[in-house]
């Protein structure tokens, strides 16, 4: 937080709850359509299975966004969408087998490709200015972070493989 920002800048206001449903649902539909060929590449599902699974996830997100807009208290949309997903996939719910059958073949890692590609393309002038000001030191920090993350993950994986052998 810089000195020009105050704590009130980070408190959700009634304006934050004015979620533009139309553009959000359109963006979500675009990502869903982009995900169809990715799912066909990443999974053994048929086109019908992919479309049904992605449509189920789209409906889940729509329900979560509607709850975000009309809930009596504020939670971020990702929290509401997660809660709706949890409720839809509780094993004792009557629709569990139906919903789980639709989405069980979907590769969720492949679903991350469109948002990550967008994040990579959405680097703004601000991030470039920060990188220029940081200079070569940020490269050393990045290399150490990447190396530490990789080595740490490999060590945890090796330990878990050794434990479960």
C-alpha atoms as a PDB file:
ATOM      1  CA  UNK A   1       0.000   0.000   0.000  1.00  0.00           C
ATOM      2  CA  UNK A   2       1.435   3.368  -0.970  1.00  0.00           C
ATOM      3  CA  UNK A   3       1.023   6.472   1.107  1.00  0.00           C
ATOM      4  CA  UNK A   4      -1.724   7.773  -1.211  1.00  0.00           C
ATOM      5  CA  UNK A   5      -3.947   4.771  -0.520  1.00  0.00           C
ATOM      6  CA  UNK A   6      -5.980   4.349   2.612  1.00  0.00           C
ATOM      7  CA  UNK A   7      -7.559   1.371   4.300  1.00  0.00           C
ATOM      8  CA  UNK A   8     -10.950   2.495   2.965  1.00  0.00           C
ATOM      9  CA  UNK A   9      -9.668   1.826  -0.576  1.00  0.00           C
ATOM     10  CA  UNK A  10      -9.606  -1.909   0.171  1.00  0.00           C
ATOM     11  CA  UNK A  11     -12.938  -2.272   1.958  1.00  0.00           C
ATOM     12  CA  UNK A  12     -15.673  -3.615  -0.354  1.00  0.00           C
ATOM     13  CA  UNK A  13     -18.332  -1.044  -1.072  1.00  0.00           C
ATOM     14  CA  UNK A  14     -21.784  -1.299  -2.539  1.00  0.00           C
ATOM     15  CA  UNK A  15     -20.260  -0.400  -5.923  1.00  0.00           C
ATOM     16  CA  UNK A  16     -18.099  -3.548  -5.781  1.00  0.00           C
ATOM     17  CA  UNK A  17     -21.289  -5.627  -5.691  1.00  0.00           C
ATOM     18  CA  UNK A  18     -22.505  -4.216  -8.992  1.00  0.00           C
ATOM     19  CA  UNK A  19     -21.253  -7.182 -10.919  1.00  0.00           C
ATOM     20  CA  UNK A  20     -21.855  -6.648 -14.638  1.00  0.00           C
ATOM     21  CA  UNK A  21     -23.493 -10.011 -15.314  1.00  0.00           C
ATOM     22  CA  UNK A  22     -23.850  -9.650 -19.087  1.00  0.00           C
ATOM     23  CA  UNK A  23     -20.194  -8.966 -19.928  1.00  0.00           C
ATOM     24  CA  UNK A  24     -19.018 -11.443 -17.308  1.00  0.00           C
ATOM     25  CA  UNK A  25     -21.203 -14.217 -18.716  1.00  0.00           C
ATOM     26  CA  UNK A  26     -20.084 -13.356 -22.247  1.00  0.00           C
ATOM     27  CA  UNK A  27     -16.414 -13.569 -21.214  1.00  0.00           C
ATOM     28  CA  UNK A  28     -17.114 -16.860 -19.488  1.00  0.00           C
ATOM     29  CA  UNK A  29     -18.815 -18.173 -22.629  1.00  0.00           C
ATOM     30  CA  UNK A  30     -15.804 -17.187 -24.754  1.00  0.00           C
ATOM     31  CA  UNK A  31     -13.439 -19.019 -22.401  1.00  0.00           C
ATOM     32  CA  UNK A  32     -15.762 -22.034 -22.456  1.00  0.00           C
ATOM     33  CA  UNK A  33     -15.770 -22.132 -26.263  1.00  0.00           C
ATOM     34  CA  UNK A  34     -11.969 -21.721 -26.377  1.00  0.00           C
ATOM     35  CA  UNK A  35     -11.706 -24.642 -23.949  1.00  0.00           C
ATOM     36  CA  UNK A  36     -13.527 -27.062 -26.257  1.00  0.00           C
ATOM     37  CA  UNK A  37     -10.559 -27.818 -28.558  1.00  0.00           C
ATOM     38  CA  UNK A  38      -8.220 -27.873 -25.554  1.00  0.00           C
ATOM     39  CA  UNK A  39     -10.395 -30.529 -23.902  1.00  0.00           C
ATOM     40  CA  UNK A  40     -10.514 -32.545 -27.129  1.00  0.00           C
ATOM     41  CA  UNK A  41      -6.704 -32.518 -27.194  1.00  0.00           C
ATOM     42  CA  UNK A  42      -6.192 -33.176 -23.480  1.00  0.00           C
ATOM     43  CA  UNK A  43      -8.850 -35.847 -22.939  1.00  0.00           C
ATOM     44  CA  UNK A  44     -10.335 -38.873 -24.642  1.00  0.00           C
ATOM     45  CA  UNK A  45     -13.833 -37.393 -24.460  1.00  0.00           C
ATOM     46  CA  UNK A  46     -16.025 -37.030 -27.504  1.00  0.00           C
ATOM     47  CA  UNK A  47     -17.175 -33.605 -28.676  1.00  0.00           C
ATOM     48  CA  UNK A  48     -20.563 -34.212 -27.071  1.00  0.00           C
ATOM     49  CA  UNK A  49     -18.957 -35.202 -23.757  1.00  0.00           C
ATOM     50  CA  UNK A  50     -16.742 -32.123 -23.768  1.00  0.00           C
ATOM     51  CA  UNK A  51     -19.612 -29.770 -24.587  1.00  0.00           C
ATOM     52  CA  UNK A  52     -21.828 -31.349 -21.919  1.00  0.00           C
ATOM     53  CA  UNK A  53     -19.086 -31.138 -19.278  1.00  0.00           C
ATOM     54  CA  UNK A  54     -18.166 -27.563 -20.093  1.00  0.00           C
ATOM     55  CA  UNK A  55     -21.848 -26.583 -20.218  1.00  0.00           C
ATOM     56  CA  UNK A  56     -22.300 -28.048 -16.734  1.00  0.00           C
ATOM     57  CA  UNK A  57     -19.342 -26.031 -15.474  1.00  0.00           C
ATOM     58  CA  UNK A  58     -20.704 -22.923 -17.219  1.00  0.00           C
ATOM     59  CA  UNK A  59     -24.054 -23.356 -15.455  1.00  0.00           C
ATOM     60  CA  UNK A  60     -22.213 -23.825 -12.149  1.00  0.00           C
ATOM     61  CA  UNK A  61     -20.394 -20.529 -12.710  1.00  0.00           C
ATOM     62  CA  UNK A  62     -23.628 -18.764 -13.708  1.00  0.00           C
ATOM     63  CA  UNK A  63     -25.289 -19.932 -10.484  1.00  0.00           C
ATOM     64  CA  UNK A  64     -22.297 -18.726  -8.485  1.00  0.00           C
ATOM     65  CA  UNK A  65     -22.355 -15.340 -10.197  1.00  0.00           C
ATOM     66  CA  UNK A  66     -26.090 -14.969  -9.546  1.00  0.00           C
ATOM     67  CA  UNK A  67     -25.539 -15.729  -5.873  1.00  0.00           C
ATOM     68  CA  UNK A  68     -22.690 -13.187  -5.848  1.00  0.00           C
ATOM     69  CA  UNK A  69     -24.979 -10.501  -7.237  1.00  0.00           C
ATOM     70  CA  UNK A  70     -28.021 -11.169  -5.050  1.00  0.00           C
ATOM     71  CA  UNK A  71     -26.597 -12.565  -1.798  1.00  0.00           C
ATOM     72  CA  UNK A  72     -27.379 -10.464   1.288  1.00  0.00           C
ATOM     73  CA  UNK A  73     -23.696 -10.211   2.230  1.00  0.00           C
ATOM     74  CA  UNK A  74     -20.506  -9.782   0.235  1.00  0.00           C
ATOM     75  CA  UNK A  75     -18.170 -12.568  -0.733  1.00  0.00           C
ATOM     76  CA  UNK A  76     -16.007 -12.586  -3.854  1.00  0.00           C
ATOM     77  CA  UNK A  77     -17.503 -14.396  -6.831  1.00  0.00           C
ATOM     78  CA  UNK A  78     -14.816 -17.072  -6.735  1.00  0.00           C
ATOM     79  CA  UNK A  79     -15.943 -17.989  -3.204  1.00  0.00           C
ATOM     80  CA  UNK A  80     -19.610 -18.216  -4.214  1.00  0.00           C
ATOM     81  CA  UNK A  81     -18.796 -20.251  -7.320  1.00  0.00           C
ATOM     82  CA  UNK A  82     -16.705 -22.609  -5.194  1.00  0.00           C
ATOM     83  CA  UNK A  83     -19.521 -22.987  -2.660  1.00  0.00           C
ATOM     84  CA  UNK A  84     -22.044 -23.728  -5.412  1.00  0.00           C
ATOM     85  CA  UNK A  85     -19.619 -26.294  -6.833  1.00  0.00           C
ATOM     86  CA  UNK A  86     -19.222 -27.904  -3.420  1.00  0.00           C
ATOM     87  CA  UNK A  87     -22.998 -28.114  -2.961  1.00  0.00           C
ATOM     88  CA  UNK A  88     -23.489 -29.574  -6.443  1.00  0.00           C
ATOM     89  CA  UNK A  89     -20.887 -32.258  -5.839  1.00  0.00           C
ATOM     90  CA  UNK A  90     -21.807 -33.364  -2.333  1.00  0.00           C
ATOM     91  CA  UNK A  91     -22.116 -37.157  -2.546  1.00  0.00           C
ATOM     92  CA  UNK A  92     -25.538 -37.349  -0.857  1.00  0.00           C
ATOM     93  CA  UNK A  93     -27.182 -34.838  -3.190  1.00  0.00           C
ATOM     94  CA  UNK A  94     -29.650 -36.387  -5.656  1.00  0.00           C
ATOM     95  CA  UNK A  95     -27.908 -34.865  -8.668  1.00  0.00           C
ATOM     96  CA  UNK A  96     -24.409 -35.979  -7.607  1.00  0.00           C
ATOM     97  CA  UNK A  97     -24.129 -38.916 -10.037  1.00  0.00           C
ATOM     98  CA  UNK A  98     -25.554 -36.916 -12.943  1.00  0.00           C
ATOM     99  CA  UNK A  99     -23.346 -33.843 -12.389  1.00  0.00           C
ATOM    100  CA  UNK A 100     -20.232 -35.832 -11.531  1.00  0.00           C
ATOM    101  CA  UNK A 101     -20.719 -37.936 -14.667  1.00  0.00           C
ATOM    102  CA  UNK A 102     -20.787 -34.790 -16.799  1.00  0.00           C
ATOM    103  CA  UNK A 103     -17.627 -33.196 -15.413  1.00  0.00           C
ATOM    104  CA  UNK A 104     -15.533 -36.187 -14.356  1.00  0.00           C
ATOM    105  CA  UNK A 105     -13.771 -36.451 -17.714  1.00  0.00           C
ATOM    106  CA  UNK A 106     -12.940 -32.750 -17.961  1.00  0.00           C
ATOM    107  CA  UNK A 107      -9.231 -31.947 -17.604  1.00  0.00           C
ATOM    108  CA  UNK A 108      -9.178 -29.014 -15.205  1.00  0.00           C
ATOM    109  CA  UNK A 109      -5.519 -28.256 -15.892  1.00  0.00           C
ATOM    110  CA  UNK A 110      -6.403 -27.661 -19.548  1.00  0.00           C
ATOM    111  CA  UNK A 111      -9.095 -25.231 -18.368  1.00  0.00           C
ATOM    112  CA  UNK A 112      -6.338 -23.057 -16.924  1.00  0.00           C
ATOM    113  CA  UNK A 113      -4.729 -22.456 -20.328  1.00  0.00           C
ATOM    114  CA  UNK A 114      -7.004 -19.619 -21.577  1.00  0.00           C
ATOM    115  CA  UNK A 115      -6.833 -17.563 -18.336  1.00  0.00           C
ATOM    116  CA  UNK A 116      -3.070 -18.043 -18.086  1.00  0.00           C
ATOM    117  CA  UNK A 117      -2.607 -17.048 -21.721  1.00  0.00           C
ATOM    118  CA  UNK A 118      -4.701 -13.935 -21.097  1.00  0.00           C
ATOM    119  CA  UNK A 119      -2.685 -13.122 -17.982  1.00  0.00           C
ATOM    120  CA  UNK A 120       0.502 -13.428 -19.979  1.00  0.00           C
ATOM    121  CA  UNK A 121      -0.817 -11.116 -22.680  1.00  0.00           C
ATOM    122  CA  UNK A 122      -2.261  -8.619 -20.218  1.00  0.00           C
ATOM    123  CA  UNK A 123       1.048  -7.348 -18.890  1.00  0.00           C
ATOM    124  CA  UNK A 124       0.538  -3.633 -18.551  1.00  0.00           C
ATOM    125  CA  UNK A 125       2.872  -0.681 -18.749  1.00  0.00           C
ATOM    126  CA  UNK A 126       2.877  -0.605 -14.932  1.00  0.00           C
ATOM    127  CA  UNK A 127       4.437  -4.071 -14.676  1.00  0.00           C
ATOM    128  CA  UNK A 128       7.042  -3.177 -17.305  1.00  0.00           C
ATOM    129  CA  UNK A 129       7.903   0.021 -15.409  1.00  0.00           C
ATOM    130  CA  UNK A 130       8.261  -1.926 -12.156  1.00  0.00           C
ATOM    131  CA  UNK A 131      10.566  -4.396 -13.883  1.00  0.00           C
ATOM    132  CA  UNK A 132      12.678  -1.554 -15.319  1.00  0.00           C
ATOM    133  CA  UNK A 133      12.999   0.069 -11.882  1.00  0.00           C
ATOM    134  CA  UNK A 134      13.919  -3.233 -10.245  1.00  0.00           C
ATOM    135  CA  UNK A 135      16.685  -3.896 -12.765  1.00  0.00           C
ATOM    136  CA  UNK A 136      18.762  -7.038 -12.822  1.00  0.00           C
ATOM    137  CA  UNK A 137      18.038  -7.866  -9.173  1.00  0.00           C
ATOM    138  CA  UNK A 138      14.524  -9.003 -10.027  1.00  0.00           C
ATOM    139  CA  UNK A 139      15.962 -11.612 -12.412  1.00  0.00           C
ATOM    140  CA  UNK A 140      18.047 -13.112  -9.611  1.00  0.00           C
ATOM    141  CA  UNK A 141      15.036 -13.177  -7.300  1.00  0.00           C
ATOM    142  CA  UNK A 142      12.916 -14.784 -10.036  1.00  0.00           C
ATOM    143  CA  UNK A 143      15.523 -17.463 -10.750  1.00  0.00           C
ATOM    144  CA  UNK A 144      15.856 -18.243  -7.028  1.00  0.00           C
ATOM    145  CA  UNK A 145      12.074 -18.417  -6.589  1.00  0.00           C
ATOM    146  CA  UNK A 146      11.606 -20.670  -9.631  1.00  0.00           C
ATOM    147  CA  UNK A 147      14.482 -22.920  -8.583  1.00  0.00           C
ATOM    148  CA  UNK A 148      13.310 -23.097  -4.987  1.00  0.00           C
ATOM    149  CA  UNK A 149       9.765 -23.905  -6.028  1.00  0.00           C
ATOM    150  CA  UNK A 150      10.920 -26.620  -8.407  1.00  0.00           C
ATOM    151  CA  UNK A 151      13.391 -28.215  -6.004  1.00  0.00           C
ATOM    152  CA  UNK A 152      10.934 -27.982  -3.100  1.00  0.00           C
ATOM    153  CA  UNK A 153       8.149 -29.571  -5.135  1.00  0.00           C
ATOM    154  CA  UNK A 154      10.443 -32.341  -6.326  1.00  0.00           C
ATOM    155  CA  UNK A 155      11.620 -33.009  -2.765  1.00  0.00           C
ATOM    156  CA  UNK A 156       8.038 -33.214  -1.479  1.00  0.00           C
ATOM    157  CA  UNK A 157       7.068 -35.507  -4.359  1.00  0.00           C
ATOM    158  CA  UNK A 158      10.073 -37.775  -3.737  1.00  0.00           C
ATOM    159  CA  UNK A 159       9.265 -37.913  -0.026  1.00  0.00           C
ATOM    160  CA  UNK A 160       5.636 -38.789  -0.684  1.00  0.00           C
ATOM    161  CA  UNK A 161       6.656 -41.467  -3.203  1.00  0.00           C
ATOM    162  CA  UNK A 162       9.083 -42.877  -0.633  1.00  0.00           C
ATOM    163  CA  UNK A 163       6.420 -42.873   2.092  1.00  0.00           C
ATOM    164  CA  UNK A 164       3.737 -44.489  -0.071  1.00  0.00           C
ATOM    165  CA  UNK A 165       6.149 -46.699  -2.046  1.00  0.00           C
END
